[in-house]
Amino acid sequence: MLSAARREFGARGYGATRLEHLLETARVNPPTLYHHFGGKFGLFVEAAKMAYAEVLAAFREAVPEPAAIGFERCVEGLLDASVVIVGCDADLASLFQVIEFEMPRLVGLDNAMRPTLREFRAFFDDVARTSPRELARDAGEQRDLARALIAIINGLNGAALLLPRRSEFPGLVQQMRRLLDGRGN
């Protein structure tokens, strides 16, 4: 059911996803949905949590111990993982855009997602703490750097949706590497 929800919500958004169509696609009946998820909102939350968990698992695999490998290798690992994620799952990028769009609009979504988002953010905080002092001099700048890294990853995710072919995404990421390395001058 979660796979069908991920596809449907990613393709149509929360508001335009009709419950009847979702049930038909997932091949389940309404009592099953309500028993396991409480309704459409609960299903959306679980699909969103699953998406974040998958991405975070990929990031943790690519960057298992940020303090041990250092900031530059962490950023490289995150960019490498992004290429793999976008290449493997076409629905994921769309679902993340829907989640971001719905976060301020859908009552209760922010509270339901708070623990998941904290865990996601904590990972990026760990990466930012490995940055060189000239990049982030104190805890406040490290927090801002963590947010900037998330913005880069989210931006790449959004850009992936605009490319004519998914096969062009590695080239986009390569240009981001050059830009971050200062070789874009």
Protein backbone atom coordinates (compact mmCIF):
# COMPACT_ATOMS: atom_id res chain seq x y z
CA MET A 1 0.00 0.00 0.00
CA LEU A 2 2.84 2.42 0.81
CA SER A 3 4.41 1.93 -2.62
CA ALA A 4 1.13 2.75 -4.31
CA ALA A 5 0.67 5.76 -2.03
CA ARG A 6 4.15 7.00 -2.83
CA ARG A 7 3.49 6.80 -6.57
CA GLU A 8 0.01 8.34 -6.38
CA PHE A 9 0.87 11.19 -3.99
CA GLY A 10 4.08 11.90 -5.91
CA ALA A 11 2.25 12.01 -9.23
CA ARG A 12 -0.86 13.94 -8.17
CA GLY A 13 -0.11 15.67 -4.89
CA TYR A 14 -2.06 15.18 -1.70
CA GLY A 15 -5.20 17.13 -2.59
CA ALA A 16 -5.68 15.67 -6.07
CA THR A 17 -5.09 12.08 -5.00
CA ARG A 18 -8.51 10.52 -4.79
CA LEU A 19 -8.97 7.92 -2.11
CA GLU A 20 -10.92 5.64 -4.44
CA HIS A 21 -8.13 5.65 -7.00
CA LEU A 22 -5.52 5.07 -4.32
CA LEU A 23 -7.43 2.07 -2.94
CA GLU A 24 -7.84 0.65 -6.43
CA THR A 25 -4.15 1.11 -7.25
CA ALA A 26 -3.08 -0.48 -3.97
CA ARG A 27 -5.68 -3.24 -4.36
CA VAL A 28 -7.01 -2.82 -0.83
CA ASN A 29 -10.40 -2.02 0.61
CA PRO A 30 -11.31 0.99 2.77
CA PRO A 31 -11.31 -0.93 6.08
CA THR A 32 -7.71 -2.01 5.43
CA LEU A 33 -6.64 1.58 4.84
CA TYR A 34 -8.43 2.85 7.95
CA HIS A 35 -7.19 0.00 10.12
CA HIS A 36 -3.52 0.48 9.21
CA PHE A 37 -3.31 4.22 8.56
CA GLY A 38 -6.46 5.88 9.90
CA GLY A 39 -7.21 7.39 6.49
CA LYS A 40 -5.63 9.28 3.61
CA PHE A 41 -3.68 11.66 5.87
CA GLY A 42 -2.13 8.82 7.87
CA LEU A 43 -1.17 7.03 4.68
CA PHE A 44 0.46 10.20 3.34
CA VAL A 45 2.42 10.65 6.58
CA GLU A 46 3.66 7.06 6.51
CA ALA A 47 4.65 7.34 2.83
CA ALA A 48 6.54 10.56 3.64
CA LYS A 49 8.27 8.98 6.63
CA MET A 50 9.25 5.99 4.52
CA ALA A 51 10.70 8.28 1.83
CA TYR A 52 12.79 10.20 4.36
CA ALA A 53 13.96 6.95 5.97
CA GLU A 54 15.10 5.56 2.62
CA VAL A 55 17.01 8.70 1.71
CA LEU A 56 18.56 8.99 5.15
CA ALA A 57 19.64 5.33 4.98
CA ALA A 58 21.31 6.01 1.61
CA PHE A 59 23.04 9.09 3.01
CA ARG A 60 24.22 7.19 6.08
CA GLU A 61 25.57 4.42 3.88
CA ALA A 62 27.46 6.96 1.77
CA VAL A 63 28.62 8.90 4.85
CA PRO A 64 28.76 6.36 7.70
CA GLU A 65 30.91 8.37 10.12
CA PRO A 66 31.09 12.06 9.23
CA ALA A 67 33.71 12.90 11.88
CA ALA A 68 35.98 10.12 10.65
CA ILE A 69 35.94 11.02 6.96
CA GLY A 70 35.86 14.81 7.03
CA PHE A 71 33.69 17.46 5.47
CA GLU A 72 34.82 17.27 1.83
CA ARG A 73 34.35 13.51 1.67
CA CYS A 74 30.96 13.90 3.37
CA VAL A 75 29.79 16.33 0.70
CA GLU A 76 31.13 14.04 -2.05
CA GLY A 77 29.28 11.10 -0.47
CA LEU A 78 26.02 13.06 -0.28
CA LEU A 79 26.29 14.07 -3.93
CA ASP A 80 27.15 10.50 -4.97
CA ALA A 81 24.18 9.18 -2.99
CA SER A 82 21.90 11.74 -4.63
CA VAL A 83 22.86 10.47 -8.07
CA VAL A 84 22.11 6.89 -7.01
CA ILE A 85 18.79 7.81 -5.38
CA VAL A 86 17.53 9.78 -8.39
CA GLY A 87 18.71 7.06 -10.75
CA CYS A 88 16.95 4.29 -8.84
CA ASP A 89 13.59 5.78 -7.94
CA ALA A 90 11.68 8.11 -10.23
CA ASP A 91 8.81 8.52 -7.75
CA LEU A 92 10.93 9.69 -4.85
CA ALA A 93 11.86 13.12 -6.23
CA SER A 94 8.20 13.87 -6.95
CA LEU A 95 7.06 12.76 -3.52
CA PHE A 96 9.63 15.00 -1.82
CA GLN A 97 8.36 17.99 -3.78
CA VAL A 98 4.81 17.19 -2.68
CA ILE A 99 5.89 16.82 0.96
CA GLU A 100 7.66 20.19 0.87
CA PHE A 101 4.65 21.82 -0.78
CA GLU A 102 2.17 20.31 1.68
CA MET A 103 4.20 20.93 4.86
CA PRO A 104 2.88 24.47 5.48
CA ARG A 105 -0.55 23.74 4.02
CA LEU A 106 -1.69 20.41 5.42
CA VAL A 107 -2.81 20.80 9.02
CA GLY A 108 -0.93 18.45 11.32
CA LEU A 109 1.71 17.36 8.82
CA ASP A 110 4.47 19.35 10.49
CA ASN A 111 3.73 17.72 13.87
CA ALA A 112 3.45 14.24 12.38
CA MET A 113 6.75 14.63 10.53
CA ARG A 114 8.69 16.43 13.29
CA PRO A 115 10.61 13.37 14.65
CA THR A 116 11.53 12.24 11.13
CA LEU A 117 12.68 15.71 10.12
CA ARG A 118 14.69 16.09 13.33
CA GLU A 119 16.52 12.85 12.58
CA PHE A 120 17.19 14.01 9.02
CA ARG A 121 18.43 17.39 10.23
CA ALA A 122 20.61 15.78 12.94
CA PHE A 123 22.48 13.86 10.24
CA PHE A 124 23.25 17.09 8.40
CA ASP A 125 24.22 18.75 11.69
CA ASP A 126 26.76 15.95 12.16
CA VAL A 127 28.15 16.59 8.69
CA ALA A 128 28.34 20.35 9.27
CA ARG A 129 30.29 19.82 12.50
CA THR A 130 33.09 18.31 10.40
CA SER A 131 33.51 21.48 8.34
CA PRO A 132 36.74 23.45 8.40
CA ARG A 133 36.77 26.39 10.81
CA GLU A 134 36.94 28.92 7.98
CA LEU A 135 33.64 27.60 6.63
CA ALA A 136 31.76 27.50 9.94
CA ARG A 137 33.37 29.21 12.91
CA ASP A 138 30.78 28.42 15.57
CA ALA A 139 27.64 26.39 16.32
CA GLY A 140 25.39 28.98 14.67
CA GLU A 141 27.35 28.88 11.42
CA GLN A 142 27.41 25.07 11.56
CA ARG A 143 23.59 25.10 11.88
CA ASP A 144 23.39 27.41 8.87
CA LEU A 145 25.79 25.17 6.94
CA ALA A 146 23.64 22.12 7.71
CA ARG A 147 20.63 24.02 6.36
CA ALA A 148 22.61 25.02 3.27
CA LEU A 149 23.54 21.39 2.62
CA ILE A 150 19.88 20.39 2.90
CA ALA A 151 18.97 23.21 0.51
CA ILE A 152 21.54 21.95 -2.01
CA ILE A 153 20.20 18.40 -1.82
CA ASN A 154 16.58 19.62 -2.05
CA GLY A 155 17.49 21.87 -4.97
CA LEU A 156 19.15 19.04 -6.84
CA ASN A 157 16.08 16.90 -6.17
CA GLY A 158 13.81 19.58 -7.62
CA ALA A 159 16.10 20.08 -10.60
CA ALA A 160 15.98 16.35 -11.32
CA LEU A 161 12.26 16.71 -12.01
CA LEU A 162 12.88 19.43 -14.58
CA LEU A 163 15.45 17.55 -16.63
CA PRO A 164 14.27 16.15 -19.97
CA ARG A 165 15.97 12.82 -19.12
CA ARG A 166 16.99 11.41 -15.76
CA SER A 167 20.26 10.34 -17.39
CA GLU A 168 21.27 14.03 -17.37
CA PHE A 169 21.25 14.21 -13.57
CA PRO A 170 24.87 13.02 -13.02
CA GLY A 171 26.08 15.89 -15.22
CA LEU A 172 24.07 18.37 -13.16
CA VAL A 173 25.58 16.98 -9.97
CA GLN A 174 29.07 17.16 -11.48
CA GLN A 175 28.56 20.85 -12.19
CA MET A 176 27.39 21.33 -8.59
CA ARG A 177 30.65 19.70 -7.43
CA ARG A 178 32.64 22.16 -9.54
CA LEU A 179 30.65 25.06 -8.21
CA LEU A 180 31.16 23.95 -4.60
CA ASP A 181 34.87 23.38 -5.22
CA GLY A 182 35.24 26.92 -6.54
CA ARG A 183 36.19 25.67 -9.99
CA GLY A 184 33.26 27.50 -11.51
CA ASN A 185 35.26 30.71 -11.84
